[in-house]
Structure formats: structure tokens, C-alpha cells
Amino acid sequence: MKNLSISHFRAIALYGVMAGVLACVAMPGLAQRDGLAMLGTLTKGEWTVKYRDGTPDRRICVRSGEELIQLRHRESGCNRFVVEDGAAKVTVQYTCQGNGYGRTSIRRETPALVQLESQGIHAGLPFQFIAEARRTGSC
């Protein structure tokens, strides 16, 4: 076996660090793809969101499924980061400049029934909820 000098070990260590940095830089790009295909499989129309904490039900018109991501931040223009984009579950983290942020997971049970979990900060106050959303009619 060849004797490796300390400079060889430093070079190998440097290459390892560089590979790690590149992996860290590349991974967010992979996670941020604009897929969210599961949301497109949801039935379009009026959906009723039933909060498990007793908050009054809320009705929303679902056109793309993305309406379910920001239930507490209704404004547009928030930056989104796709954390998980699976066949039956998506998780999206978003930031609304000047108005807080949130992280929402949507798990599809059927094309007309999903489970929601969301938490974050809205208008300077924390929020967290678990809810069920079900298609209830036409918009």
C-alpha cells in the first residue's frame, strides 16, 4: 500500500467538504420543484374545512388544491418551499413578507377528503391547527 502524505489527506478532506457543500446547495433546488401533483388530483368545487379545535367551519372554493396550503395567510405573493411532494401527502413551508410564515401538510384520503395540519405565525401571533377538509358542493 502506498504511503499517503498529509497533503493527500487534506486534499481528500477538502474534496469531501466541497461535495457536501454542493449537495446542500443542490438539495433545496430539488425540494423546491413546483410539482404538488397530488393537489391537482383533488375534486374541484366548494370544500368545507372542519377544525378539530372548535373553530367555526370555513368554506373555500378549491380550483387547484393550492388554496388549502395557506388557510391563515390569505394574501398572494408568499414565497413557498416544497418540503414533501408525495402521491398522497404534500408539505409546504411558506413565508409572507411582513405577515409571518407557515408550514402546512395535506394528506389525501380520497379526491374529496383531506387531512390538514398547519402551524406558523400570522399577524405576530402563533397558530396551529388540525382540520379535515371535504368537498361539499360546487363553487
N, C-alpha and C. Protein backbone atom coordinates (compact mmCIF):
# COMPACT_ATOMS: atom_id res chain seq x y z
N MET A 1 0.85 -1.18 0.00
CA MET A 1 0.00 0.00 0.00
C MET A 1 0.89 1.24 0.00
N LYS A 2 0.53 2.20 -0.76
CA LYS A 2 1.28 3.45 -0.86
C LYS A 2 1.12 4.28 0.39
N ASN A 3 2.15 4.98 0.76
CA ASN A 3 2.07 5.92 1.87
C ASN A 3 1.49 7.23 1.35
N LEU A 4 0.44 7.68 2.01
CA LEU A 4 -0.15 8.95 1.62
C LEU A 4 0.36 10.04 2.55
N SER A 5 0.73 11.15 1.96
CA SER A 5 1.22 12.27 2.78
C SER A 5 0.05 13.03 3.37
N ILE A 6 0.37 13.90 4.30
CA ILE A 6 -0.67 14.71 4.94
C ILE A 6 -1.36 15.60 3.91
N SER A 7 -0.64 16.05 2.92
CA SER A 7 -1.27 16.90 1.90
C SER A 7 -2.31 16.12 1.11
N HIS A 8 -2.08 14.81 0.90
CA HIS A 8 -3.08 13.99 0.23
C HIS A 8 -4.35 13.88 1.08
N PHE A 9 -4.17 13.68 2.39
CA PHE A 9 -5.33 13.61 3.29
C PHE A 9 -6.09 14.94 3.30
N ARG A 10 -5.37 16.05 3.29
CA ARG A 10 -6.02 17.36 3.24
C ARG A 10 -6.81 17.53 1.95
N ALA A 11 -6.23 17.09 0.85
CA ALA A 11 -6.92 17.19 -0.44
C ALA A 11 -8.19 16.35 -0.43
N ILE A 12 -8.10 15.14 0.11
CA ILE A 12 -9.28 14.27 0.17
C ILE A 12 -10.34 14.90 1.07
N ALA A 13 -9.93 15.45 2.21
CA ALA A 13 -10.87 16.09 3.12
C ALA A 13 -11.52 17.31 2.45
N LEU A 14 -10.74 18.08 1.72
CA LEU A 14 -11.26 19.26 1.02
C LEU A 14 -12.30 18.84 -0.01
N TYR A 15 -12.01 17.78 -0.78
CA TYR A 15 -12.97 17.30 -1.76
C TYR A 15 -14.26 16.82 -1.09
N GLY A 16 -14.12 16.20 0.06
CA GLY A 16 -15.31 15.75 0.80
C GLY A 16 -16.16 16.93 1.26
N VAL A 17 -15.50 17.97 1.76
CA VAL A 17 -16.22 19.17 2.20
C VAL A 17 -16.92 19.83 1.01
N MET A 18 -16.20 19.91 -0.11
CA MET A 18 -16.79 20.53 -1.30
C MET A 18 -18.00 19.74 -1.79
N ALA A 19 -17.91 18.42 -1.75
CA ALA A 19 -19.03 17.58 -2.17
C ALA A 19 -20.23 17.80 -1.25
N GLY A 20 -19.97 17.92 0.05
CA GLY A 20 -21.04 18.18 1.00
C GLY A 20 -21.71 19.52 0.76
N VAL A 21 -20.91 20.55 0.48
CA VAL A 21 -21.46 21.88 0.20
C VAL A 21 -22.31 21.84 -1.06
N LEU A 22 -21.81 21.18 -2.09
CA LEU A 22 -22.58 21.07 -3.33
C LEU A 22 -23.89 20.34 -3.11
N ALA A 23 -23.87 19.30 -2.30
CA ALA A 23 -25.10 18.56 -2.01
C ALA A 23 -26.10 19.45 -1.28
N CYS A 24 -25.62 20.26 -0.35
CA CYS A 24 -26.51 21.15 0.39
C CYS A 24 -27.10 22.22 -0.51
N VAL A 25 -26.32 22.69 -1.46
CA VAL A 25 -26.80 23.71 -2.39
C VAL A 25 -27.81 23.10 -3.36
N ALA A 26 -27.57 21.88 -3.81
CA ALA A 26 -28.44 21.24 -4.80
C ALA A 26 -29.76 20.77 -4.18
N MET A 27 -29.76 20.31 -2.95
CA MET A 27 -30.96 19.73 -2.35
C MET A 27 -32.13 20.71 -2.27
N PRO A 28 -31.96 21.97 -1.84
CA PRO A 28 -33.11 22.86 -1.82
C PRO A 28 -33.73 23.01 -3.21
N GLY A 29 -32.93 23.04 -4.23
CA GLY A 29 -33.46 23.14 -5.59
C GLY A 29 -34.31 21.94 -5.94
N LEU A 30 -33.90 20.78 -5.49
CA LEU A 30 -34.69 19.57 -5.74
C LEU A 30 -35.98 19.62 -4.96
N ALA A 31 -35.91 20.08 -3.72
CA ALA A 31 -37.10 20.11 -2.87
C ALA A 31 -38.07 21.21 -3.30
N GLN A 32 -37.61 22.21 -4.04
CA GLN A 32 -38.44 23.33 -4.38
C GLN A 32 -39.16 23.19 -5.71
N ARG A 33 -39.07 22.07 -6.34
CA ARG A 33 -39.74 21.92 -7.62
C ARG A 33 -41.22 22.24 -7.45
N ASP A 34 -41.84 22.69 -8.49
CA ASP A 34 -43.22 23.14 -8.42
C ASP A 34 -44.21 22.03 -8.71
N GLY A 35 -43.96 20.82 -8.25
CA GLY A 35 -44.81 19.68 -8.52
C GLY A 35 -46.18 19.80 -7.89
N LEU A 36 -46.30 19.37 -6.66
CA LEU A 36 -47.55 19.35 -5.93
C LEU A 36 -48.66 18.69 -6.74
N ALA A 37 -48.29 17.62 -7.46
CA ALA A 37 -49.24 16.93 -8.34
C ALA A 37 -50.43 16.38 -7.57
N MET A 38 -50.23 15.96 -6.33
CA MET A 38 -51.33 15.40 -5.56
C MET A 38 -52.48 16.39 -5.44
N LEU A 39 -52.16 17.67 -5.27
CA LEU A 39 -53.22 18.67 -5.12
C LEU A 39 -54.07 18.75 -6.38
N GLY A 40 -53.48 18.50 -7.53
CA GLY A 40 -54.23 18.52 -8.78
C GLY A 40 -55.20 17.36 -8.93
N THR A 41 -55.06 16.34 -8.08
CA THR A 41 -55.98 15.19 -8.15
C THR A 41 -57.23 15.40 -7.30
N LEU A 42 -57.28 16.50 -6.55
CA LEU A 42 -58.44 16.76 -5.70
C LEU A 42 -59.61 17.25 -6.55
N THR A 43 -60.81 16.87 -6.16
CA THR A 43 -62.01 17.27 -6.87
C THR A 43 -62.24 18.76 -6.70
N LYS A 44 -62.45 19.44 -7.79
CA LYS A 44 -62.68 20.89 -7.76
C LYS A 44 -64.08 21.18 -7.20
N GLY A 45 -64.21 22.35 -6.59
CA GLY A 45 -65.52 22.76 -6.08
C GLY A 45 -65.42 23.36 -4.70
N GLU A 46 -66.57 23.48 -4.04
CA GLU A 46 -66.62 24.02 -2.68
C GLU A 46 -66.20 22.95 -1.69
N TRP A 47 -65.31 23.32 -0.79
CA TRP A 47 -64.85 22.43 0.27
C TRP A 47 -65.16 23.07 1.61
N THR A 48 -65.48 22.25 2.59
CA THR A 48 -65.71 22.72 3.95
C THR A 48 -64.58 22.22 4.83
N VAL A 49 -63.93 23.17 5.51
CA VAL A 49 -62.84 22.86 6.42
C VAL A 49 -63.42 22.81 7.82
N LYS A 50 -63.28 21.65 8.48
CA LYS A 50 -63.75 21.45 9.86
C LYS A 50 -62.52 21.38 10.76
N TYR A 51 -62.39 22.40 11.61
CA TYR A 51 -61.25 22.47 12.53
C TYR A 51 -61.54 21.60 13.74
N ARG A 52 -60.55 20.88 14.21
CA ARG A 52 -60.74 19.98 15.35
C ARG A 52 -60.76 20.71 16.69
N ASP A 53 -60.35 21.99 16.71
CA ASP A 53 -60.31 22.73 17.98
C ASP A 53 -61.60 23.51 18.25
N GLY A 54 -62.60 23.32 17.42
CA GLY A 54 -63.87 24.02 17.65
C GLY A 54 -64.01 25.33 16.89
N THR A 55 -62.99 25.76 16.19
CA THR A 55 -63.08 26.96 15.35
C THR A 55 -64.21 26.73 14.35
N PRO A 56 -65.02 27.76 14.07
CA PRO A 56 -66.12 27.57 13.12
C PRO A 56 -65.63 27.04 11.75
N ASP A 57 -66.47 26.22 11.12
CA ASP A 57 -66.15 25.69 9.80
C ASP A 57 -65.92 26.83 8.82
N ARG A 58 -65.14 26.52 7.81
CA ARG A 58 -64.85 27.52 6.78
C ARG A 58 -65.06 26.87 5.42
N ARG A 59 -65.70 27.58 4.53
CA ARG A 59 -65.92 27.09 3.17
C ARG A 59 -65.00 27.83 2.22
N ILE A 60 -64.36 27.06 1.34
CA ILE A 60 -63.48 27.67 0.34
C ILE A 60 -63.74 27.02 -1.00
N CYS A 61 -63.45 27.75 -2.04
CA CYS A 61 -63.58 27.23 -3.39
C CYS A 61 -62.21 26.70 -3.83
N VAL A 62 -62.15 25.41 -4.09
CA VAL A 62 -60.89 24.78 -4.49
C VAL A 62 -60.87 24.66 -6.00
N ARG A 63 -59.90 25.33 -6.61
CA ARG A 63 -59.72 25.27 -8.06
C ARG A 63 -58.49 24.46 -8.44
N SER A 64 -57.43 24.60 -7.63
CA SER A 64 -56.17 23.90 -7.93
C SER A 64 -55.72 23.00 -6.79
N GLY A 65 -56.30 23.16 -5.62
CA GLY A 65 -55.87 22.45 -4.43
C GLY A 65 -54.90 23.27 -3.60
N GLU A 66 -54.22 24.21 -4.24
CA GLU A 66 -53.25 25.04 -3.52
C GLU A 66 -53.93 26.00 -2.54
N GLU A 67 -55.23 26.19 -2.69
CA GLU A 67 -55.97 27.05 -1.76
C GLU A 67 -55.92 26.51 -0.33
N LEU A 68 -55.65 25.22 -0.19
CA LEU A 68 -55.61 24.59 1.14
C LEU A 68 -54.28 24.82 1.86
N ILE A 69 -53.27 25.33 1.17
CA ILE A 69 -51.94 25.49 1.76
C ILE A 69 -51.92 26.66 2.75
N GLN A 70 -52.48 27.79 2.41
CA GLN A 70 -52.38 28.99 3.22
C GLN A 70 -53.74 29.40 3.77
N LEU A 71 -54.30 28.62 4.66
CA LEU A 71 -55.61 28.94 5.19
C LEU A 71 -55.57 30.13 6.14
N ARG A 72 -54.46 30.37 6.81
CA ARG A 72 -54.35 31.53 7.71
C ARG A 72 -53.74 32.74 7.01
N HIS A 73 -53.01 32.55 5.96
CA HIS A 73 -52.41 33.65 5.20
C HIS A 73 -53.10 33.69 3.84
N ARG A 74 -54.10 34.49 3.73
CA ARG A 74 -54.91 34.51 2.51
C ARG A 74 -54.29 35.35 1.40
N GLU A 75 -53.28 36.14 1.72
CA GLU A 75 -52.70 37.02 0.70
C GLU A 75 -51.88 36.22 -0.32
N SER A 76 -51.77 36.77 -1.50
CA SER A 76 -50.94 36.14 -2.53
C SER A 76 -49.53 36.72 -2.43
N GLY A 77 -48.61 36.14 -3.16
CA GLY A 77 -47.25 36.65 -3.18
C GLY A 77 -46.35 36.10 -2.09
N CYS A 78 -46.80 35.10 -1.35
CA CYS A 78 -45.95 34.49 -0.34
C CYS A 78 -44.97 33.54 -1.02
N ASN A 79 -43.77 33.47 -0.50
CA ASN A 79 -42.76 32.55 -1.04
C ASN A 79 -43.00 31.16 -0.47
N ARG A 80 -42.97 30.17 -1.36
CA ARG A 80 -43.22 28.79 -0.94
C ARG A 80 -42.00 27.91 -1.17
N PHE A 81 -41.84 26.95 -0.27
CA PHE A 81 -40.78 25.96 -0.36
C PHE A 81 -41.42 24.59 -0.18
N VAL A 82 -41.35 23.77 -1.21
CA VAL A 82 -41.95 22.44 -1.14
C VAL A 82 -41.01 21.52 -0.37
N VAL A 83 -41.48 21.02 0.77
CA VAL A 83 -40.70 20.15 1.63
C VAL A 83 -40.92 18.69 1.24
N GLU A 84 -42.17 18.34 0.96
CA GLU A 84 -42.53 16.96 0.60
C GLU A 84 -43.57 17.01 -0.51
N ASP A 85 -43.37 16.20 -1.53
CA ASP A 85 -44.28 16.18 -2.67
C ASP A 85 -44.55 14.74 -3.05
N GLY A 86 -45.39 14.08 -2.24
CA GLY A 86 -45.67 12.67 -2.47
C GLY A 86 -46.99 12.45 -3.18
N ALA A 87 -47.28 11.20 -3.46
CA ALA A 87 -48.51 10.84 -4.16
C ALA A 87 -49.75 11.05 -3.29
N ALA A 88 -49.59 10.96 -1.97
CA ALA A 88 -50.73 11.11 -1.07
C ALA A 88 -50.54 12.20 -0.03
N LYS A 89 -49.37 12.84 0.00
CA LYS A 89 -49.13 13.88 1.00
C LYS A 89 -48.16 14.93 0.46
N VAL A 90 -48.48 16.19 0.74
CA VAL A 90 -47.57 17.29 0.42
C VAL A 90 -47.36 18.12 1.68
N THR A 91 -46.17 18.68 1.80
CA THR A 91 -45.86 19.60 2.88
C THR A 91 -45.19 20.81 2.26
N VAL A 92 -45.71 21.98 2.59
CA VAL A 92 -45.20 23.23 2.03
C VAL A 92 -44.92 24.20 3.17
N GLN A 93 -43.75 24.80 3.12
CA GLN A 93 -43.41 25.86 4.06
C GLN A 93 -43.46 27.16 3.27
N TYR A 94 -44.03 28.20 3.86
CA TYR A 94 -44.16 29.46 3.14
C TYR A 94 -43.88 30.65 4.06
N THR A 95 -43.48 31.74 3.43
CA THR A 95 -43.20 32.98 4.15
C THR A 95 -43.94 34.11 3.45
N CYS A 96 -44.70 34.88 4.21
CA CYS A 96 -45.43 36.04 3.69
C CYS A 96 -44.76 37.28 4.27
N GLN A 97 -43.99 37.94 3.45
CA GLN A 97 -43.17 39.05 3.94
C GLN A 97 -44.02 40.07 4.71
N GLY A 98 -43.60 40.34 5.94
CA GLY A 98 -44.29 41.30 6.78
C GLY A 98 -45.51 40.75 7.49
N ASN A 99 -45.87 39.48 7.25
CA ASN A 99 -47.07 38.93 7.88
C ASN A 99 -46.88 37.52 8.42
N GLY A 100 -45.65 37.05 8.51
CA GLY A 100 -45.43 35.76 9.13
C GLY A 100 -45.13 34.64 8.15
N TYR A 101 -45.34 33.43 8.63
CA TYR A 101 -44.99 32.25 7.86
C TYR A 101 -45.83 31.07 8.33
N GLY A 102 -45.74 29.97 7.60
CA GLY A 102 -46.46 28.78 7.99
C GLY A 102 -45.87 27.54 7.34
N ARG A 103 -46.29 26.41 7.86
CA ARG A 103 -45.91 25.11 7.32
C ARG A 103 -47.17 24.25 7.35
N THR A 104 -47.58 23.77 6.19
CA THR A 104 -48.83 23.02 6.07
C THR A 104 -48.56 21.66 5.44
N SER A 105 -49.14 20.63 6.04
CA SER A 105 -49.13 19.28 5.47
C SER A 105 -50.55 18.92 5.10
N ILE A 106 -50.71 18.39 3.89
CA ILE A 106 -52.02 17.97 3.39
C ILE A 106 -51.91 16.50 3.00
N ARG A 107 -52.73 15.68 3.64
CA ARG A 107 -52.73 14.24 3.35
C ARG A 107 -54.06 13.88 2.70
N ARG A 108 -53.99 13.34 1.49
CA ARG A 108 -55.20 12.97 0.75
C ARG A 108 -55.68 11.59 1.17
N GLU A 109 -56.95 11.51 1.54
CA GLU A 109 -57.58 10.22 1.81
C GLU A 109 -58.33 9.76 0.57
N THR A 110 -59.08 10.68 -0.03
CA THR A 110 -59.77 10.43 -1.30
C THR A 110 -59.68 11.74 -2.09
N PRO A 111 -60.11 11.75 -3.36
CA PRO A 111 -60.09 13.01 -4.10
C PRO A 111 -61.02 14.09 -3.51
N ALA A 112 -61.89 13.71 -2.57
CA ALA A 112 -62.81 14.67 -1.97
C ALA A 112 -62.64 14.79 -0.46
N LEU A 113 -61.55 14.27 0.10
CA LEU A 113 -61.33 14.32 1.55
C LEU A 113 -59.84 14.37 1.85
N VAL A 114 -59.43 15.40 2.61
CA VAL A 114 -58.02 15.53 3.01
C VAL A 114 -57.93 15.86 4.49
N GLN A 115 -56.77 15.54 5.07
CA GLN A 115 -56.45 15.91 6.44
C GLN A 115 -55.39 17.01 6.38
N LEU A 116 -55.56 18.05 7.19
CA LEU A 116 -54.66 19.20 7.19
C LEU A 116 -54.01 19.39 8.56
N GLU A 117 -52.75 19.75 8.53
CA GLU A 117 -52.04 20.19 9.74
C GLU A 117 -51.25 21.42 9.36
N SER A 118 -51.38 22.48 10.15
CA SER A 118 -50.66 23.71 9.83
C SER A 118 -50.25 24.43 11.11
N GLN A 119 -49.13 25.10 11.02
CA GLN A 119 -48.66 25.91 12.14
C GLN A 119 -47.78 27.03 11.61
N GLY A 120 -47.65 28.08 12.40
CA GLY A 120 -46.80 29.19 11.98
C GLY A 120 -47.09 30.43 12.79
N ILE A 121 -46.81 31.57 12.17
CA ILE A 121 -47.04 32.89 12.78
C ILE A 121 -47.87 33.70 11.81
N HIS A 122 -48.95 34.29 12.30
CA HIS A 122 -49.79 35.16 11.48
C HIS A 122 -50.08 36.43 12.26
N ALA A 123 -49.79 37.58 11.65
CA ALA A 123 -50.02 38.88 12.29
C ALA A 123 -49.34 38.94 13.66
N GLY A 124 -48.16 38.35 13.78
CA GLY A 124 -47.39 38.41 15.01
C GLY A 124 -47.78 37.39 16.07
N LEU A 125 -48.78 36.56 15.78
CA LEU A 125 -49.25 35.59 16.75
C LEU A 125 -49.09 34.17 16.22
N PRO A 126 -48.73 33.23 17.11
CA PRO A 126 -48.59 31.84 16.65
C PRO A 126 -49.96 31.21 16.39
N PHE A 127 -49.97 30.26 15.47
CA PHE A 127 -51.17 29.48 15.23
C PHE A 127 -50.77 28.03 14.99
N GLN A 128 -51.71 27.15 15.27
CA GLN A 128 -51.53 25.73 15.00
C GLN A 128 -52.92 25.13 14.92
N PHE A 129 -53.16 24.32 13.88
CA PHE A 129 -54.46 23.66 13.80
C PHE A 129 -54.35 22.33 13.06
N ILE A 130 -55.32 21.50 13.36
CA ILE A 130 -55.53 20.24 12.65
C ILE A 130 -56.96 20.30 12.17
N ALA A 131 -57.18 19.94 10.91
CA ALA A 131 -58.52 20.04 10.33
C ALA A 131 -58.74 18.96 9.29
N GLU A 132 -59.99 18.80 8.95
CA GLU A 132 -60.38 17.91 7.86
C GLU A 132 -61.10 18.76 6.84
N ALA A 133 -60.77 18.58 5.58
CA ALA A 133 -61.47 19.32 4.52
C ALA A 133 -62.13 18.31 3.60
N ARG A 134 -63.38 18.62 3.26
CA ARG A 134 -64.19 17.70 2.45
C ARG A 134 -64.93 18.49 1.38
N ARG A 135 -65.00 17.95 0.18
CA ARG A 135 -65.76 18.61 -0.88
C ARG A 135 -67.24 18.51 -0.53
N THR A 136 -67.92 19.66 -0.59
CA THR A 136 -69.32 19.70 -0.18
C THR A 136 -70.25 20.24 -1.25
N GLY A 137 -69.72 20.63 -2.41
CA GLY A 137 -70.60 21.15 -3.45
C GLY A 137 -69.83 21.86 -4.54
N SER A 138 -70.56 22.65 -5.31
CA SER A 138 -69.97 23.42 -6.40
C SER A 138 -69.72 24.85 -5.95
N CYS A 139 -68.78 25.51 -6.60
CA CYS A 139 -68.50 26.93 -6.28
C CYS A 139 -69.42 27.82 -7.10
